[in-house]
Amino acid sequence: MKSIRTIIITLMLMVPASVYGLTAYEIEAAGNDEKFVIDGDLYVAQSYCLGWDEGDRVIFIDGTPGVCVTATLYNMDREEKCDVWCE
Protein backbone atom coordinates (compact mmCIF):
# COMPACT_ATOMS: atom_id res chain seq x y z
CA MET A 1 0.00 0.00 0.00
CA LYS A 2 1.31 3.44 -0.89
CA SER A 3 2.24 5.76 1.93
CA ILE A 4 0.27 8.96 2.48
CA ARG A 5 3.33 10.99 1.47
CA THR A 6 3.60 9.14 -1.86
CA ILE A 7 -0.08 9.70 -2.59
CA ILE A 8 0.16 13.42 -1.75
CA ILE A 9 3.28 13.87 -3.91
CA THR A 10 1.59 12.02 -6.78
CA LEU A 11 -1.48 14.24 -6.54
CA MET A 12 0.66 17.38 -6.35
CA LEU A 13 2.56 16.36 -9.45
CA MET A 14 -0.65 15.96 -11.43
CA VAL A 15 -1.26 19.71 -11.08
CA PRO A 16 1.20 22.21 -12.57
CA ALA A 17 4.06 22.98 -10.17
CA SER A 18 3.32 26.70 -10.28
CA VAL A 19 0.02 26.12 -8.42
CA TYR A 20 1.95 24.98 -5.33
CA GLY A 21 4.70 27.57 -5.62
CA LEU A 22 7.21 24.92 -6.70
CA THR A 23 9.81 26.09 -9.17
CA ALA A 24 10.76 23.82 -12.04
CA TYR A 25 14.45 23.92 -12.96
CA GLU A 26 16.09 22.71 -16.14
CA ILE A 27 19.13 20.45 -15.93
CA GLU A 28 21.80 22.63 -17.51
CA ALA A 29 24.44 19.89 -17.81
CA ALA A 30 24.47 16.17 -17.02
CA GLY A 31 27.28 13.63 -16.84
CA ASN A 32 27.34 9.87 -16.40
CA ASP A 33 23.83 9.68 -14.87
CA GLU A 34 25.36 11.01 -11.64
CA LYS A 35 26.39 14.69 -11.92
CA PHE A 36 23.97 17.49 -12.71
CA VAL A 37 24.21 21.25 -12.93
CA ILE A 38 20.91 22.84 -11.92
CA ASP A 39 20.52 26.60 -11.54
CA GLY A 40 24.33 26.93 -11.62
CA ASP A 41 24.90 24.47 -8.74
CA LEU A 42 26.41 20.97 -8.91
CA TYR A 43 24.43 18.00 -7.59
CA VAL A 44 25.78 14.43 -7.36
CA ALA A 45 23.48 11.41 -7.36
CA GLN A 46 23.66 9.25 -4.24
CA SER A 47 23.46 6.22 -6.56
CA TYR A 48 22.50 6.95 -10.18
CA CYS A 49 19.72 8.92 -11.84
CA LEU A 50 19.56 6.72 -14.93
CA GLY A 51 18.68 8.48 -18.14
CA TRP A 52 18.48 11.98 -16.64
CA ASP A 53 19.80 14.40 -19.21
CA GLU A 54 20.41 18.03 -20.05
CA GLY A 55 17.13 19.84 -20.66
CA ASP A 56 15.04 17.64 -18.34
CA ARG A 57 12.83 19.62 -15.94
CA VAL A 58 13.14 18.89 -12.22
CA ILE A 59 11.59 20.13 -8.99
CA PHE A 60 12.99 19.87 -5.48
CA ILE A 61 10.60 17.77 -3.39
CA ASP A 62 13.03 17.74 -0.45
CA GLY A 63 15.85 20.22 0.09
CA THR A 64 16.37 23.75 -1.13
CA PRO A 65 18.20 24.64 -4.36
CA GLY A 66 21.70 25.92 -3.60
CA VAL A 67 21.26 25.66 0.19
CA CYS A 68 21.30 21.98 1.05
CA VAL A 69 23.44 18.99 1.98
CA THR A 70 21.09 16.46 0.39
CA ALA A 71 17.99 16.82 -1.76
CA THR A 72 15.39 14.71 -3.51
CA LEU A 73 14.69 15.74 -7.07
CA TYR A 74 11.67 14.79 -9.15
CA ASN A 75 12.24 14.65 -12.89
CA MET A 76 9.02 15.93 -14.46
CA ASP A 77 9.93 14.58 -17.90
CA ARG A 78 10.86 11.04 -16.79
CA GLU A 79 8.43 10.94 -13.83
CA GLU A 80 11.15 9.64 -11.50
CA LYS A 81 12.78 10.86 -8.33
CA CYS A 82 16.43 10.72 -7.33
CA ASP A 83 18.37 11.52 -4.16
CA VAL A 84 21.40 13.78 -4.59
CA TRP A 85 24.16 15.41 -2.58
CA CYS A 86 24.51 19.15 -2.98
CA GLU A 87 28.06 20.30 -3.66
PDB file of N, CA and C in Angstrom:
ATOM      1  N   MET A   1       0.830  -1.165   0.000  1.00  0.00           N
ATOM      2  CA  MET A   1       0.000   0.000   0.000  1.00  0.00           C
ATOM      3  C   MET A   1       0.890   1.248   0.000  1.00  0.00           C
ATOM      4  N   LYS A   2       0.527   2.220  -0.789  1.00  0.00           N
ATOM      5  CA  LYS A   2       1.314   3.442  -0.886  1.00  0.00           C
ATOM      6  C   LYS A   2       1.189   4.255   0.391  1.00  0.00           C
ATOM      7  N   SER A   3       2.288   4.903   0.757  1.00  0.00           N
ATOM      8  CA  SER A   3       2.242   5.764   1.933  1.00  0.00           C
ATOM      9  C   SER A   3       1.464   7.036   1.611  1.00  0.00           C
ATOM     10  N   ILE A   4       1.009   7.697   2.646  1.00  0.00           N
ATOM     11  CA  ILE A   4       0.268   8.957   2.480  1.00  0.00           C
ATOM     12  C   ILE A   4       1.137   9.970   1.745  1.00  0.00           C
ATOM     13  N   ARG A   5       2.420  10.035   2.109  1.00  0.00           N
ATOM     14  CA  ARG A   5       3.330  10.995   1.466  1.00  0.00           C
ATOM     15  C   ARG A   5       3.417  10.742  -0.036  1.00  0.00           C
ATOM     16  N   THR A   6       3.527   9.483  -0.438  1.00  0.00           N
ATOM     17  CA  THR A   6       3.604   9.138  -1.863  1.00  0.00           C
ATOM     18  C   THR A   6       2.337   9.557  -2.588  1.00  0.00           C
ATOM     19  N   ILE A   7       1.191   9.330  -1.972  1.00  0.00           N
ATOM     20  CA  ILE A   7      -0.083   9.704  -2.585  1.00  0.00           C
ATOM     21  C   ILE A   7      -0.174  11.220  -2.741  1.00  0.00           C
ATOM     22  N   ILE A   8       0.222  11.953  -1.692  1.00  0.00           N
ATOM     23  CA  ILE A   8       0.163  13.415  -1.750  1.00  0.00           C
ATOM     24  C   ILE A   8       1.100  13.945  -2.833  1.00  0.00           C
ATOM     25  N   ILE A   9       2.321  13.419  -2.884  1.00  0.00           N
ATOM     26  CA  ILE A   9       3.279  13.866  -3.910  1.00  0.00           C
ATOM     27  C   ILE A   9       2.740  13.562  -5.297  1.00  0.00           C
ATOM     28  N   THR A  10       2.160  12.390  -5.483  1.00  0.00           N
ATOM     29  CA  THR A  10       1.594  12.021  -6.777  1.00  0.00           C
ATOM     30  C   THR A  10       0.490  12.987  -7.179  1.00  0.00           C
ATOM     31  N   LEU A  11      -0.393  13.300  -6.245  1.00  0.00           N
ATOM     32  CA  LEU A  11      -1.482  14.237  -6.541  1.00  0.00           C
ATOM     33  C   LEU A  11      -0.942  15.632  -6.851  1.00  0.00           C
ATOM     34  N   MET A  12       0.069  16.067  -6.101  1.00  0.00           N
ATOM     35  CA  MET A  12       0.660  17.380  -6.347  1.00  0.00           C
ATOM     36  C   MET A  12       1.284  17.456  -7.734  1.00  0.00           C
ATOM     37  N   LEU A  13       1.872  16.359  -8.169  1.00  0.00           N
ATOM     38  CA  LEU A  13       2.563  16.359  -9.454  1.00  0.00           C
ATOM     39  C   LEU A  13       1.598  16.305 -10.632  1.00  0.00           C
ATOM     40  N   MET A  14       0.345  15.987 -10.361  1.00  0.00           N
ATOM     41  CA  MET A  14      -0.648  15.956 -11.429  1.00  0.00           C
ATOM     42  C   MET A  14      -1.123  17.366 -11.783  1.00  0.00           C
ATOM     43  N   VAL A  15      -0.880  18.304 -10.876  1.00  0.00           N
ATOM     44  CA  VAL A  15      -1.263  19.707 -11.077  1.00  0.00           C
ATOM     45  C   VAL A  15       0.018  20.474 -11.387  1.00  0.00           C
ATOM     46  N   PRO A  16      -0.018  21.467 -12.254  1.00  0.00           N
ATOM     47  CA  PRO A  16       1.200  22.211 -12.572  1.00  0.00           C
ATOM     48  C   PRO A  16       1.908  22.703 -11.321  1.00  0.00           C
ATOM     49  N   ALA A  17       3.244  22.611 -11.322  1.00  0.00           N
ATOM     50  CA  ALA A  17       4.062  22.976 -10.168  1.00  0.00           C
ATOM     51  C   ALA A  17       3.818  24.407  -9.717  1.00  0.00           C
ATOM     52  N   SER A  18       3.504  25.295 -10.637  1.00  0.00           N
ATOM     53  CA  SER A  18       3.320  26.699 -10.283  1.00  0.00           C
ATOM     54  C   SER A  18       2.145  26.903  -9.316  1.00  0.00           C
ATOM     55  N   VAL A  19       1.172  26.000  -9.315  1.00  0.00           N
ATOM     56  CA  VAL A  19       0.020  26.122  -8.423  1.00  0.00           C
ATOM     57  C   VAL A  19       0.470  26.011  -6.966  1.00  0.00           C
ATOM     58  N   TYR A  20       1.480  25.211  -6.686  1.00  0.00           N
ATOM     59  CA  TYR A  20       1.954  24.984  -5.327  1.00  0.00           C
ATOM     60  C   TYR A  20       3.153  25.863  -4.977  1.00  0.00           C
ATOM     61  N   GLY A  21       3.552  26.725  -5.875  1.00  0.00           N
ATOM     62  CA  GLY A  21       4.704  27.570  -5.620  1.00  0.00           C
ATOM     63  C   GLY A  21       6.022  26.849  -5.829  1.00  0.00           C
ATOM     64  N   LEU A  22       5.987  25.655  -6.414  1.00  0.00           N
ATOM     65  CA  LEU A  22       7.213  24.923  -6.701  1.00  0.00           C
ATOM     66  C   LEU A  22       7.815  25.471  -7.982  1.00  0.00           C
ATOM     67  N   THR A  23       9.124  25.598  -7.986  1.00  0.00           N
ATOM     68  CA  THR A  23       9.807  26.091  -9.172  1.00  0.00           C
ATOM     69  C   THR A  23      10.417  24.916  -9.924  1.00  0.00           C
ATOM     70  N   ALA A  24      10.146  24.845 -11.196  1.00  0.00           N
ATOM     71  CA  ALA A  24      10.760  23.824 -12.036  1.00  0.00           C
ATOM     72  C   ALA A  24      12.087  24.373 -12.555  1.00  0.00           C
ATOM     73  N   TYR A  25      13.117  23.548 -12.489  1.00  0.00           N
ATOM     74  CA  TYR A  25      14.447  23.916 -12.960  1.00  0.00           C
ATOM     75  C   TYR A  25      14.828  22.996 -14.111  1.00  0.00           C
ATOM     76  N   GLU A  26      15.606  23.515 -15.035  1.00  0.00           N
ATOM     77  CA  GLU A  26      16.093  22.708 -16.140  1.00  0.00           C
ATOM     78  C   GLU A  26      17.501  22.221 -15.811  1.00  0.00           C
ATOM     79  N   ILE A  27      17.770  20.962 -16.099  1.00  0.00           N
ATOM     80  CA  ILE A  27      19.129  20.447 -15.928  1.00  0.00           C
ATOM     81  C   ILE A  27      19.981  21.093 -17.007  1.00  0.00           C
ATOM     82  N   GLU A  28      20.959  21.884 -16.579  1.00  0.00           N
ATOM     83  CA  GLU A  28      21.802  22.629 -17.510  1.00  0.00           C
ATOM     84  C   GLU A  28      22.905  21.761 -18.107  1.00  0.00           C
ATOM     85  N   ALA A  29      23.397  20.812 -17.333  1.00  0.00           N
ATOM     86  CA  ALA A  29      24.437  19.888 -17.805  1.00  0.00           C
ATOM     87  C   ALA A  29      24.283  18.593 -17.017  1.00  0.00           C
ATOM     88  N   ALA A  30      24.575  17.476 -17.668  1.00  0.00           N
ATOM     89  CA  ALA A  30      24.474  16.166 -17.023  1.00  0.00           C
ATOM     90  C   ALA A  30      25.645  15.307 -17.454  1.00  0.00           C
ATOM     91  N   GLY A  31      26.163  14.514 -16.520  1.00  0.00           N
ATOM     92  CA  GLY A  31      27.278  13.632 -16.842  1.00  0.00           C
ATOM     93  C   GLY A  31      27.169  12.296 -16.148  1.00  0.00           C
ATOM     94  N   ASN A  32      27.253  11.236 -16.932  1.00  0.00           N
ATOM     95  CA  ASN A  32      27.339   9.866 -16.405  1.00  0.00           C
ATOM     96  C   ASN A  32      26.177   9.447 -15.511  1.00  0.00           C
ATOM     97  N   ASP A  33      25.003  10.008 -15.687  1.00  0.00           N
ATOM     98  CA  ASP A  33      23.830   9.685 -14.868  1.00  0.00           C
ATOM     99  C   ASP A  33      24.046   9.969 -13.383  1.00  0.00           C
ATOM    100  N   GLU A  34      25.085  10.778 -13.060  1.00  0.00           N
ATOM    101  CA  GLU A  34      25.357  11.009 -11.643  1.00  0.00           C
ATOM    102  C   GLU A  34      25.724  12.446 -11.272  1.00  0.00           C
ATOM    103  N   LYS A  35      26.049  13.297 -12.219  1.00  0.00           N
ATOM    104  CA  LYS A  35      26.386  14.688 -11.924  1.00  0.00           C
ATOM    105  C   LYS A  35      25.498  15.604 -12.751  1.00  0.00           C
ATOM    106  N   PHE A  36      24.920  16.604 -12.055  1.00  0.00           N
ATOM    107  CA  PHE A  36      23.971  17.492 -12.712  1.00  0.00           C
ATOM    108  C   PHE A  36      24.217  18.928 -12.284  1.00  0.00           C
ATOM    109  N   VAL A  37      24.158  19.836 -13.238  1.00  0.00           N
ATOM    110  CA  VAL A  37      24.206  21.255 -12.927  1.00  0.00           C
ATOM    111  C   VAL A  37      22.785  21.780 -13.074  1.00  0.00           C
ATOM    112  N   ILE A  38      22.270  22.313 -11.958  1.00  0.00           N
ATOM    113  CA  ILE A  38      20.912  22.845 -11.923  1.00  0.00           C
ATOM    114  C   ILE A  38      20.983  24.228 -11.300  1.00  0.00           C
ATOM    115  N   ASP A  39      20.511  25.215 -12.011  1.00  0.00           N
ATOM    116  CA  ASP A  39      20.523  26.602 -11.540  1.00  0.00           C
ATOM    117  C   ASP A  39      21.933  27.029 -11.115  1.00  0.00           C
ATOM    118  N   GLY A  40      22.933  26.558 -11.863  1.00  0.00           N
ATOM    119  CA  GLY A  40      24.326  26.932 -11.616  1.00  0.00           C
ATOM    120  C   GLY A  40      25.015  26.163 -10.510  1.00  0.00           C
ATOM    121  N   ASP A  41      24.310  25.253  -9.835  1.00  0.00           N
ATOM    122  CA  ASP A  41      24.899  24.475  -8.739  1.00  0.00           C
ATOM    123  C   ASP A  41      25.066  23.017  -9.151  1.00  0.00           C
ATOM    124  N   LEU A  42      26.122  22.367  -8.601  1.00  0.00           N
ATOM    125  CA  LEU A  42      26.409  20.971  -8.909  1.00  0.00           C
ATOM    126  C   LEU A  42      25.727  20.062  -7.903  1.00  0.00           C
ATOM    127  N   TYR A  43      25.069  19.017  -8.408  1.00  0.00           N
ATOM    128  CA  TYR A  43      24.429  17.998  -7.587  1.00  0.00           C
ATOM    129  C   TYR A  43      24.949  16.642  -8.037  1.00  0.00           C
ATOM    130  N   VAL A  44      25.240  15.754  -7.062  1.00  0.00           N
ATOM    131  CA  VAL A  44      25.782  14.431  -7.363  1.00  0.00           C
ATOM    132  C   VAL A  44      24.816  13.380  -6.847  1.00  0.00           C
ATOM    133  N   ALA A  45      24.432  12.458  -7.721  1.00  0.00           N
ATOM    134  CA  ALA A  45      23.478  11.407  -7.360  1.00  0.00           C
ATOM    135  C   ALA A  45      24.065  10.527  -6.251  1.00  0.00           C
ATOM    136  N   GLN A  46      23.218  10.138  -5.304  1.00  0.00           N
ATOM    137  CA  GLN A  46      23.661   9.247  -4.236  1.00  0.00           C
ATOM    138  C   GLN A  46      23.874   7.835  -4.774  1.00  0.00           C
ATOM    139  N   SER A  47      23.187   7.467  -5.828  1.00  0.00           N
ATOM    140  CA  SER A  47      23.464   6.223  -6.560  1.00  0.00           C
ATOM    141  C   SER A  47      23.578   6.628  -8.025  1.00  0.00           C
ATOM    142  N   TYR A  48      22.536   6.465  -8.801  1.00  0.00           N
ATOM    143  CA  TYR A  48      22.500   6.945 -10.185  1.00  0.00           C
ATOM    144  C   TYR A  48      21.091   7.436 -10.496  1.00  0.00           C
ATOM    145  N   CYS A  49      21.003   8.433 -11.339  1.00  0.00           N
ATOM    146  CA  CYS A  49      19.718   8.920 -11.844  1.00  0.00           C
ATOM    147  C   CYS A  49      19.704   8.533 -13.324  1.00  0.00           C
ATOM    148  N   LEU A  50      19.412   7.280 -13.583  1.00  0.00           N
ATOM    149  CA  LEU A  50      19.559   6.715 -14.926  1.00  0.00           C
ATOM    150  C   LEU A  50      18.713   7.430 -15.964  1.00  0.00           C
ATOM    151  N   GLY A  51      19.363   7.862 -17.024  1.00  0.00           N
ATOM    152  CA  GLY A  51      18.679   8.484 -18.144  1.00  0.00           C
ATOM    153  C   GLY A  51      18.399   9.968 -17.988  1.00  0.00           C
ATOM    154  N   TRP A  52      18.715  10.543 -16.841  1.00  0.00           N
ATOM    155  CA  TRP A  52      18.479  11.980 -16.643  1.00  0.00           C
ATOM    156  C   TRP A  52      19.458  12.736 -17.515  1.00  0.00           C
ATOM    157  N   ASP A  53      18.967  13.744 -18.207  1.00  0.00           N
ATOM    158  CA  ASP A  53      19.800  14.398 -19.209  1.00  0.00           C
ATOM    159  C   ASP A  53      19.585  15.913 -19.212  1.00  0.00           C
ATOM    160  N   GLU A  54      20.494  16.587 -19.865  1.00  0.00           N
ATOM    161  CA  GLU A  54      20.406  18.027 -20.047  1.00  0.00           C
ATOM    162  C   GLU A  54      19.059  18.378 -20.670  1.00  0.00           C
ATOM    163  N   GLY A  55      18.424  19.404 -20.139  1.00  0.00           N
ATOM    164  CA  GLY A  55      17.127  19.836 -20.661  1.00  0.00           C
ATOM    165  C   GLY A  55      15.939  19.270 -19.913  1.00  0.00           C
ATOM    166  N   ASP A  56      16.142  18.180 -19.135  1.00  0.00           N
ATOM    167  CA  ASP A  56      15.037  17.636 -18.336  1.00  0.00           C
ATOM    168  C   ASP A  56      14.633  18.661 -17.282  1.00  0.00           C
ATOM    169  N   ARG A  57      13.342  18.697 -16.954  1.00  0.00           N
ATOM    170  CA  ARG A  57      12.829  19.620 -15.938  1.00  0.00           C
ATOM    171  C   ARG A  57      12.687  18.884 -14.610  1.00  0.00           C
ATOM    172  N   VAL A  58      13.195  19.502 -13.540  1.00  0.00           N
ATOM    173  CA  VAL A  58      13.135  18.893 -12.215  1.00  0.00           C
ATOM    174  C   VAL A  58      12.561  19.879 -11.199  1.00  0.00           C
ATOM    175  N   ILE A  59      11.986  19.326 -10.137  1.00  0.00           N
ATOM    176  CA  ILE A  59      11.586  20.126  -8.991  1.00  0.00           C
ATOM    177  C   ILE A  59      12.228  19.514  -7.750  1.00  0.00           C
ATOM    178  N   PHE A  60      12.442  20.333  -6.740  1.00  0.00           N
ATOM    179  CA  PHE A  60      12.988  19.865  -5.476  1.00  0.00           C
ATOM    180  C   PHE A  60      11.818  19.490  -4.577  1.00  0.00           C
ATOM    181  N   ILE A  61      11.684  18.188  -4.274  1.00  0.00           N
ATOM    182  CA  ILE A  61      10.605  17.770  -3.390  1.00  0.00           C
ATOM    183  C   ILE A  61      11.108  17.662  -1.956  1.00  0.00           C
ATOM    184  N   ASP A  62      12.413  17.695  -1.771  1.00  0.00           N
ATOM    185  CA  ASP A  62      13.026  17.742  -0.449  1.00  0.00           C
ATOM    186  C   ASP A  62      14.361  18.454  -0.611  1.00  0.00           C
ATOM    187  N   GLY A  63      14.635  19.437   0.222  1.00  0.00           N
ATOM    188  CA  GLY A  63      15.851  20.220   0.090  1.00  0.00           C
ATOM    189  C   GLY A  63      15.572  21.525  -0.638  1.00  0.00           C
ATOM    190  N   THR A  64      16.512  22.430  -0.535  1.00  0.00           N
ATOM    191  CA  THR A  64      16.367  23.752  -1.133  1.00  0.00           C
ATOM    192  C   THR A  64      17.484  23.980  -2.135  1.00  0.00           C
ATOM    193  N   PRO A  65      17.177  24.416  -3.342  1.00  0.00           N
ATOM    194  CA  PRO A  65      18.201  24.637  -4.356  1.00  0.00           C
ATOM    195  C   PRO A  65      19.307  25.568  -3.852  1.00  0.00           C
ATOM    196  N   GLY A  66      20.555  25.102  -3.954  1.00  0.00           N
ATOM    197  CA  GLY A  66      21.703  25.917  -3.596  1.00  0.00           C
ATOM    198  C   GLY A  66      21.986  26.020  -2.112  1.00  0.00           C
ATOM    199  N   VAL A  67      21.081  25.539  -1.258  1.00  0.00           N
ATOM    200  CA  VAL A  67      21.259  25.665   0.191  1.00  0.00           C
ATOM    201  C   VAL A  67      20.916  24.324   0.840  1.00  0.00           C
ATOM    202  N   CYS A  68      21.655  23.284   0.507  1.00  0.00           N
ATOM    203  CA  CYS A  68      21.303  21.975   1.048  1.00  0.00           C
ATOM    204  C   CYS A  68      22.539  21.090   1.146  1.00  0.00           C
ATOM    205  N   VAL A  69      22.415  20.024   1.907  1.00  0.00           N
ATOM    206  CA  VAL A  69      23.438  18.993   1.975  1.00  0.00           C
ATOM    207  C   VAL A  69      22.981  17.827   1.113  1.00  0.00           C
ATOM    208  N   THR A  70      21.698  17.484   1.246  1.00  0.00           N
ATOM    209  CA  THR A  70      21.089  16.465   0.394  1.00  0.00           C
ATOM    210  C   THR A  70      19.756  17.010  -0.113  1.00  0.00           C
ATOM    211  N   ALA A  71      19.286  16.418  -1.194  1.00  0.00           N
ATOM    212  CA  ALA A  71      17.993  16.819  -1.755  1.00  0.00           C
ATOM    213  C   ALA A  71      17.396  15.632  -2.488  1.00  0.00           C
ATOM    214  N   THR A  72      16.082  15.683  -2.661  1.00  0.00           N
ATOM    215  CA  THR A  72      15.391  14.714  -3.505  1.00  0.00           C
ATOM    216  C   THR A  72      14.797  15.502  -4.661  1.00  0.00           C
ATOM    217  N   LEU A  73      15.171  15.088  -5.858  1.00  0.00           N
ATOM    218  CA  LEU A  73      14.688  15.745  -7.070  1.00  0.00           C
ATOM    219  C   LEU A  73      13.636  14.869  -7.726  1.00  0.00           C
ATOM    220  N   TYR A  74      12.662  15.505  -8.343  1.00  0.00           N
ATOM    221  CA  TYR A  74      11.667  14.793  -9.146  1.00  0.00           C
ATOM    222  C   TYR A  74      11.806  15.272 -10.576  1.00  0.00           C
ATOM    223  N   ASN A  75      12.084  14.342 -11.478  1.00  0.00           N
ATOM    224  CA  ASN A  75      12.235  14.653 -12.891  1.00  0.00           C
ATOM    225  C   ASN A  75      10.850  14.625 -13.531  1.00  0.00           C
ATOM    226  N   MET A  76      10.373  15.798 -13.919  1.00  0.00           N
ATOM    227  CA  MET A  76       9.022  15.928 -14.462  1.00  0.00           C
ATOM    228  C   MET A  76       8.884  15.281 -15.839  1.00  0.00           C
ATOM    229  N   ASP A  77       9.984  15.175 -16.569  1.00  0.00           N
ATOM    230  CA  ASP A  77       9.933  14.576 -17.900  1.00  0.00           C
ATOM    231  C   ASP A  77       9.956  13.047 -17.837  1.00  0.00           C
ATOM    232  N   ARG A  78      10.735  12.501 -16.911  1.00  0.00           N
ATOM    233  CA  ARG A  78      10.864  11.039 -16.792  1.00  0.00           C
ATOM    234  C   ARG A  78       9.926  10.455 -15.734  1.00  0.00           C
ATOM    235  N   GLU A  79       9.315  11.352 -14.912  1.00  0.00           N
ATOM    236  CA  GLU A  79       8.427  10.936 -13.828  1.00  0.00           C
ATOM    237  C   GLU A  79       9.135   9.995 -12.853  1.00  0.00           C
ATOM    238  N   GLU A  80      10.338  10.414 -12.438  1.00  0.00           N
ATOM    239  CA  GLU A  80      11.148   9.642 -11.497  1.00  0.00           C
ATOM    240  C   GLU A  80      11.756  10.589 -10.482  1.00  0.00           C
ATOM    241  N   LYS A  81      12.085  10.047  -9.315  1.00  0.00           N
ATOM    242  CA  LYS A  81      12.782  10.859  -8.333  1.00  0.00           C
ATOM    243  C   LYS A  81      14.176  10.278  -8.091  1.00  0.00           C
ATOM    244  N   CYS A  82      15.052  11.133  -7.560  1.00  0.00           N
ATOM    245  CA  CYS A  82      16.426  10.718  -7.332  1.00  0.00           C
ATOM    246  C   CYS A  82      16.982  11.518  -6.153  1.00  0.00           C
ATOM    247  N   ASP A  83      17.728  10.854  -5.285  1.00  0.00           N
ATOM    248  CA  ASP A  83      18.371  11.519  -4.160  1.00  0.00           C
ATOM    249  C   ASP A  83      19.761  11.960  -4.565  1.00  0.00           C
ATOM    250  N   VAL A  84      20.102  13.200  -4.198  1.00  0.00           N
ATOM    251  CA  VAL A  84      21.397  13.780  -4.589  1.00  0.00           C
ATOM    252  C   VAL A  84      22.068  14.440  -3.387  1.00  0.00           C
ATOM    253  N   TRP A  85      23.390  14.596  -3.508  1.00  0.00           N
ATOM    254  CA  TRP A  85      24.162  15.414  -2.582  1.00  0.00           C
ATOM    255  C   TRP A  85      24.360  16.760  -3.248  1.00  0.00           C
ATOM    256  N   CYS A  86      24.297  17.798  -2.463  1.00  0.00           N
ATOM    257  CA  CYS A  86      24.510  19.148  -2.980  1.00  0.00           C
ATOM    258  C   CYS A  86      25.984  19.503  -2.761  1.00  0.00           C
ATOM    259  N   GLU A  87      26.642  19.970  -3.789  1.00  0.00           N
ATOM    260  CA  GLU A  87      28.065  20.299  -3.663  1.00  0.00           C
ATOM    261  C   GLU A  87      28.284  21.775  -3.736  1.00  0.00           C
TER     262      GLU A  87
END
